[in-house]
Amino acid sequence: MCGLVGVANFGSGGLYANQVEAFTDLLIADSVRGSDGTGIMAINAKGRRTTFKNVGHPYNLIHSKDYDEVTNYTKQPYLKILAGHNRYATTGDPNHVNSHPFYRAPITLMHNGTLT
């Protein structure tokens, strides 16, 4: 079944380098819960939400330009929340559409299990 990970910093400023590194490590470790798809959601201090996802193991996502752009704390100095999802395809094909997170304004959703 799928796995969920996350880090947050609600103090002044944003996430520290060690928090972003811990998130990346958690995303990799959580791949034991599923490696059919991986996605992340980032929220900055202004409430701007960024999501992206990829098919397959977290390494596919972590080694992408998008991941660097979103999680680079020097480029994103006020990044407040990082949440990640590793998918184990219990229903539906392992593809980009079925990977999480899902966005339906104004909600971003990641879940563990099957929703009907």
N, C-alpha and C. Protein backbone atom coordinates (compact mmCIF):
# COMPACT_ATOMS: atom_id res chain seq x y z
N MET A 1 0.84 -1.18 0.00
CA MET A 1 0.00 0.00 0.00
C MET A 1 0.88 1.24 0.00
N CYS A 2 0.38 2.35 -0.42
CA CYS A 2 1.11 3.60 -0.60
C CYS A 2 1.71 4.13 0.70
N GLY A 3 2.62 5.08 0.56
CA GLY A 3 3.24 5.72 1.72
C GLY A 3 3.23 7.23 1.58
N LEU A 4 3.16 7.90 2.72
CA LEU A 4 3.13 9.36 2.78
C LEU A 4 4.24 9.85 3.70
N VAL A 5 4.91 10.94 3.30
CA VAL A 5 5.96 11.55 4.12
C VAL A 5 5.82 13.06 4.04
N GLY A 6 6.41 13.76 5.01
CA GLY A 6 6.35 15.21 4.95
C GLY A 6 7.22 15.87 6.00
N VAL A 7 7.55 17.14 5.74
CA VAL A 7 8.24 18.00 6.69
C VAL A 7 7.60 19.38 6.60
N ALA A 8 7.63 20.10 7.74
CA ALA A 8 7.07 21.44 7.77
C ALA A 8 7.85 22.29 8.76
N ASN A 9 7.90 23.59 8.50
CA ASN A 9 8.52 24.55 9.41
C ASN A 9 7.61 25.76 9.45
N PHE A 10 6.94 25.96 10.56
CA PHE A 10 6.00 27.07 10.68
C PHE A 10 6.60 28.26 11.42
N GLY A 11 7.92 28.23 11.67
CA GLY A 11 8.59 29.37 12.28
C GLY A 11 8.86 30.45 11.24
N SER A 12 9.59 31.46 11.63
CA SER A 12 9.96 32.50 10.66
C SER A 12 10.97 31.91 9.69
N GLY A 13 10.95 32.35 8.47
CA GLY A 13 11.81 31.77 7.44
C GLY A 13 11.18 30.52 6.88
N GLY A 14 12.01 29.70 6.26
CA GLY A 14 11.48 28.50 5.63
C GLY A 14 12.19 27.26 6.12
N LEU A 15 12.04 26.19 5.37
CA LEU A 15 12.68 24.93 5.70
C LEU A 15 14.20 25.09 5.66
N TYR A 16 14.87 24.43 6.57
CA TYR A 16 16.33 24.42 6.60
C TYR A 16 16.86 23.32 5.68
N ALA A 17 18.12 23.45 5.31
CA ALA A 17 18.74 22.47 4.41
C ALA A 17 18.59 21.05 4.95
N ASN A 18 18.80 20.87 6.26
CA ASN A 18 18.72 19.51 6.81
C ASN A 18 17.29 18.97 6.77
N GLN A 19 16.27 19.84 6.81
CA GLN A 19 14.89 19.39 6.70
C GLN A 19 14.58 18.93 5.27
N VAL A 20 15.09 19.65 4.30
CA VAL A 20 14.89 19.26 2.89
C VAL A 20 15.62 17.95 2.62
N GLU A 21 16.83 17.81 3.15
CA GLU A 21 17.58 16.57 2.98
C GLU A 21 16.86 15.40 3.65
N ALA A 22 16.31 15.64 4.83
CA ALA A 22 15.55 14.60 5.53
C ALA A 22 14.32 14.19 4.71
N PHE A 23 13.64 15.16 4.11
CA PHE A 23 12.49 14.86 3.28
C PHE A 23 12.89 13.96 2.11
N THR A 24 13.99 14.29 1.46
CA THR A 24 14.46 13.49 0.33
C THR A 24 14.78 12.06 0.80
N ASP A 25 15.44 11.95 1.94
CA ASP A 25 15.74 10.62 2.49
C ASP A 25 14.47 9.85 2.82
N LEU A 26 13.49 10.55 3.40
CA LEU A 26 12.21 9.91 3.73
C LEU A 26 11.50 9.42 2.47
N LEU A 27 11.54 10.22 1.42
CA LEU A 27 10.88 9.85 0.17
C LEU A 27 11.51 8.58 -0.41
N ILE A 28 12.83 8.48 -0.33
CA ILE A 28 13.52 7.29 -0.81
C ILE A 28 13.20 6.09 0.08
N ALA A 29 13.31 6.26 1.39
CA ALA A 29 13.04 5.16 2.32
C ALA A 29 11.61 4.67 2.18
N ASP A 30 10.68 5.59 1.94
CA ASP A 30 9.27 5.25 1.84
C ASP A 30 8.94 4.48 0.57
N SER A 31 9.90 4.37 -0.34
CA SER A 31 9.64 3.64 -1.58
C SER A 31 9.35 2.16 -1.32
N VAL A 32 9.68 1.67 -0.11
CA VAL A 32 9.30 0.29 0.22
C VAL A 32 7.78 0.15 0.28
N ARG A 33 7.07 1.26 0.43
CA ARG A 33 5.61 1.27 0.46
C ARG A 33 5.02 1.33 -0.94
N GLY A 34 5.86 1.63 -1.95
CA GLY A 34 5.38 1.68 -3.33
C GLY A 34 6.36 2.43 -4.20
N SER A 35 6.56 1.92 -5.40
CA SER A 35 7.46 2.60 -6.34
C SER A 35 6.85 2.67 -7.74
N ASP A 36 5.51 2.62 -7.80
CA ASP A 36 4.83 2.73 -9.10
C ASP A 36 4.66 4.18 -9.52
N GLY A 37 4.76 5.10 -8.58
CA GLY A 37 4.65 6.53 -8.87
C GLY A 37 5.08 7.32 -7.65
N THR A 38 5.65 8.49 -7.87
CA THR A 38 6.10 9.35 -6.78
C THR A 38 5.71 10.78 -7.10
N GLY A 39 5.25 11.50 -6.08
CA GLY A 39 4.90 12.90 -6.27
C GLY A 39 5.13 13.70 -5.02
N ILE A 40 5.27 15.02 -5.21
CA ILE A 40 5.43 15.90 -4.06
C ILE A 40 4.56 17.13 -4.21
N MET A 41 4.30 17.75 -3.06
CA MET A 41 3.61 19.03 -3.00
C MET A 41 4.46 19.94 -2.13
N ALA A 42 4.66 21.17 -2.57
CA ALA A 42 5.40 22.16 -1.79
C ALA A 42 4.52 23.39 -1.61
N ILE A 43 4.57 23.97 -0.42
CA ILE A 43 3.82 25.20 -0.15
C ILE A 43 4.79 26.21 0.45
N ASN A 44 4.77 27.43 -0.10
CA ASN A 44 5.65 28.47 0.43
C ASN A 44 4.90 29.36 1.41
N ALA A 45 5.60 30.35 1.96
CA ALA A 45 5.03 31.22 2.99
C ALA A 45 3.85 32.05 2.48
N LYS A 46 3.78 32.25 1.18
CA LYS A 46 2.67 33.02 0.60
C LYS A 46 1.48 32.12 0.26
N GLY A 47 1.60 30.84 0.56
CA GLY A 47 0.51 29.90 0.28
C GLY A 47 0.53 29.35 -1.13
N ARG A 48 1.57 29.66 -1.90
CA ARG A 48 1.66 29.13 -3.27
C ARG A 48 1.98 27.64 -3.21
N ARG A 49 1.17 26.87 -3.90
CA ARG A 49 1.30 25.42 -3.93
C ARG A 49 1.91 25.00 -5.26
N THR A 50 2.89 24.13 -5.19
CA THR A 50 3.49 23.54 -6.38
C THR A 50 3.43 22.03 -6.23
N THR A 51 2.99 21.35 -7.27
CA THR A 51 2.98 19.89 -7.24
C THR A 51 3.61 19.36 -8.51
N PHE A 52 4.23 18.23 -8.40
CA PHE A 52 4.63 17.48 -9.58
C PHE A 52 4.81 16.03 -9.20
N LYS A 53 4.71 15.18 -10.20
CA LYS A 53 4.74 13.74 -9.98
C LYS A 53 5.36 13.06 -11.17
N ASN A 54 5.76 11.79 -10.96
CA ASN A 54 6.41 11.03 -12.00
C ASN A 54 6.08 9.56 -11.81
N VAL A 55 6.16 8.80 -12.85
CA VAL A 55 5.96 7.36 -12.78
C VAL A 55 7.24 6.74 -12.25
N GLY A 56 7.08 5.76 -11.40
CA GLY A 56 8.23 4.98 -10.96
C GLY A 56 8.81 5.41 -9.63
N HIS A 57 9.99 4.93 -9.38
CA HIS A 57 10.73 5.08 -8.13
C HIS A 57 11.03 6.56 -7.85
N PRO A 58 11.15 6.92 -6.56
CA PRO A 58 11.47 8.30 -6.21
C PRO A 58 12.75 8.83 -6.88
N TYR A 59 13.70 7.96 -7.18
CA TYR A 59 14.92 8.43 -7.84
C TYR A 59 14.60 9.13 -9.16
N ASN A 60 13.57 8.66 -9.87
CA ASN A 60 13.17 9.31 -11.12
C ASN A 60 12.79 10.76 -10.88
N LEU A 61 12.14 11.02 -9.77
CA LEU A 61 11.67 12.37 -9.44
C LEU A 61 12.79 13.21 -8.83
N ILE A 62 13.53 12.62 -7.90
CA ILE A 62 14.56 13.35 -7.17
C ILE A 62 15.66 13.84 -8.09
N HIS A 63 15.96 13.10 -9.13
CA HIS A 63 17.03 13.49 -10.04
C HIS A 63 16.52 14.33 -11.21
N SER A 64 15.36 14.94 -11.05
CA SER A 64 14.81 15.79 -12.11
C SER A 64 15.07 17.26 -11.81
N LYS A 65 15.07 18.06 -12.84
CA LYS A 65 15.24 19.50 -12.70
C LYS A 65 14.11 20.10 -11.85
N ASP A 66 12.89 19.60 -12.04
CA ASP A 66 11.75 20.10 -11.27
C ASP A 66 11.97 19.94 -9.77
N TYR A 67 12.48 18.80 -9.36
CA TYR A 67 12.70 18.55 -7.94
C TYR A 67 13.70 19.56 -7.38
N ASP A 68 14.78 19.78 -8.10
CA ASP A 68 15.79 20.75 -7.67
C ASP A 68 15.20 22.15 -7.56
N GLU A 69 14.37 22.53 -8.52
CA GLU A 69 13.77 23.86 -8.51
C GLU A 69 12.86 24.05 -7.30
N VAL A 70 12.08 23.05 -6.97
CA VAL A 70 11.11 23.18 -5.88
C VAL A 70 11.76 23.06 -4.51
N THR A 71 12.72 22.17 -4.35
CA THR A 71 13.26 21.90 -3.02
C THR A 71 14.54 22.67 -2.70
N ASN A 72 15.08 23.41 -3.64
CA ASN A 72 16.31 24.15 -3.39
C ASN A 72 16.00 25.31 -2.45
N TYR A 73 16.42 25.17 -1.20
CA TYR A 73 16.06 26.16 -0.17
C TYR A 73 16.71 27.52 -0.40
N THR A 74 17.76 27.59 -1.25
CA THR A 74 18.32 28.91 -1.56
C THR A 74 17.48 29.61 -2.61
N LYS A 75 16.85 28.85 -3.49
CA LYS A 75 15.95 29.43 -4.49
C LYS A 75 14.54 29.61 -3.93
N GLN A 76 14.20 28.81 -2.94
CA GLN A 76 12.88 28.85 -2.30
C GLN A 76 13.08 29.15 -0.81
N PRO A 77 13.50 30.36 -0.45
CA PRO A 77 13.86 30.62 0.95
C PRO A 77 12.69 30.58 1.92
N TYR A 78 11.47 30.62 1.44
CA TYR A 78 10.32 30.61 2.33
C TYR A 78 9.44 29.39 2.12
N LEU A 79 10.07 28.28 1.73
CA LEU A 79 9.36 27.02 1.58
C LEU A 79 8.96 26.54 2.97
N LYS A 80 7.67 26.29 3.19
CA LYS A 80 7.16 25.94 4.51
C LYS A 80 6.82 24.46 4.66
N ILE A 81 6.31 23.84 3.61
CA ILE A 81 5.83 22.46 3.70
C ILE A 81 6.28 21.67 2.47
N LEU A 82 6.76 20.47 2.71
CA LEU A 82 6.99 19.49 1.65
C LEU A 82 6.25 18.22 2.04
N ALA A 83 5.41 17.72 1.17
CA ALA A 83 4.69 16.47 1.40
C ALA A 83 4.92 15.56 0.20
N GLY A 84 5.12 14.29 0.46
CA GLY A 84 5.41 13.35 -0.62
C GLY A 84 4.56 12.10 -0.55
N HIS A 85 4.42 11.45 -1.70
CA HIS A 85 3.62 10.24 -1.81
C HIS A 85 4.34 9.25 -2.70
N ASN A 86 4.42 8.00 -2.23
CA ASN A 86 4.91 6.89 -3.04
C ASN A 86 3.75 5.95 -3.29
N ARG A 87 3.52 5.64 -4.55
CA ARG A 87 2.33 4.87 -4.92
C ARG A 87 2.65 3.41 -5.15
N TYR A 88 1.82 2.57 -4.56
CA TYR A 88 1.76 1.14 -4.87
C TYR A 88 0.43 0.94 -5.57
N ALA A 89 0.47 0.59 -6.85
CA ALA A 89 -0.73 0.53 -7.67
C ALA A 89 -1.61 -0.66 -7.31
N THR A 90 -2.56 -0.44 -6.40
CA THR A 90 -3.51 -1.50 -6.06
C THR A 90 -4.66 -1.54 -7.06
N THR A 91 -5.06 -0.37 -7.55
CA THR A 91 -6.04 -0.27 -8.63
C THR A 91 -5.54 0.80 -9.59
N GLY A 92 -5.86 0.65 -10.83
CA GLY A 92 -5.41 1.61 -11.84
C GLY A 92 -3.98 1.34 -12.27
N ASP A 93 -3.70 1.70 -13.49
CA ASP A 93 -2.37 1.47 -14.05
C ASP A 93 -1.34 2.38 -13.40
N PRO A 94 -0.09 1.93 -13.34
CA PRO A 94 0.98 2.80 -12.85
C PRO A 94 1.37 3.80 -13.94
N ASN A 95 0.72 4.95 -13.94
CA ASN A 95 1.00 5.98 -14.92
C ASN A 95 0.94 7.36 -14.26
N HIS A 96 1.26 8.38 -15.03
CA HIS A 96 1.32 9.75 -14.51
C HIS A 96 -0.03 10.21 -13.98
N VAL A 97 -1.09 9.90 -14.68
CA VAL A 97 -2.43 10.34 -14.27
C VAL A 97 -2.81 9.76 -12.91
N ASN A 98 -2.48 8.51 -12.66
CA ASN A 98 -2.87 7.86 -11.42
C ASN A 98 -1.90 8.10 -10.26
N SER A 99 -0.76 8.74 -10.53
CA SER A 99 0.18 9.07 -9.46
C SER A 99 -0.36 10.25 -8.67
N HIS A 100 0.08 10.39 -7.43
CA HIS A 100 -0.38 11.45 -6.55
C HIS A 100 0.70 12.52 -6.47
N PRO A 101 0.39 13.73 -6.12
CA PRO A 101 -0.88 14.23 -5.61
C PRO A 101 -1.88 14.56 -6.72
N PHE A 102 -3.15 14.59 -6.30
CA PHE A 102 -4.24 15.03 -7.17
C PHE A 102 -4.60 16.45 -6.79
N TYR A 103 -4.96 17.24 -7.76
CA TYR A 103 -5.37 18.62 -7.46
C TYR A 103 -6.75 18.88 -8.05
N ARG A 104 -7.67 19.22 -7.19
CA ARG A 104 -9.01 19.66 -7.59
C ARG A 104 -9.28 20.91 -6.77
N ALA A 105 -9.17 22.06 -7.41
CA ALA A 105 -9.23 23.35 -6.71
C ALA A 105 -10.32 23.38 -5.67
N PRO A 106 -10.03 23.78 -4.48
CA PRO A 106 -8.76 24.25 -3.92
C PRO A 106 -8.03 23.17 -3.13
N ILE A 107 -8.28 21.90 -3.41
CA ILE A 107 -7.75 20.81 -2.58
C ILE A 107 -6.66 20.05 -3.33
N THR A 108 -5.58 19.77 -2.61
CA THR A 108 -4.55 18.86 -3.08
C THR A 108 -4.63 17.62 -2.21
N LEU A 109 -4.68 16.45 -2.83
CA LEU A 109 -4.93 15.22 -2.09
C LEU A 109 -3.89 14.16 -2.40
N MET A 110 -3.43 13.52 -1.34
CA MET A 110 -2.62 12.31 -1.42
C MET A 110 -3.25 11.35 -0.43
N HIS A 111 -3.37 10.09 -0.78
CA HIS A 111 -4.01 9.16 0.14
C HIS A 111 -3.34 7.81 0.08
N ASN A 112 -3.61 7.02 1.11
CA ASN A 112 -3.11 5.67 1.24
C ASN A 112 -4.31 4.74 1.19
N GLY A 113 -4.42 3.98 0.15
CA GLY A 113 -5.56 3.08 0.02
C GLY A 113 -6.35 3.39 -1.25
N THR A 114 -7.56 2.94 -1.30
CA THR A 114 -8.42 3.13 -2.47
C THR A 114 -9.63 3.95 -2.08
N LEU A 115 -9.90 5.00 -2.83
CA LEU A 115 -11.09 5.83 -2.60
C LEU A 115 -12.11 5.50 -3.68
N THR A 116 -13.34 5.35 -3.26
CA THR A 116 -14.41 5.10 -4.24
C THR A 116 -15.48 6.16 -4.12
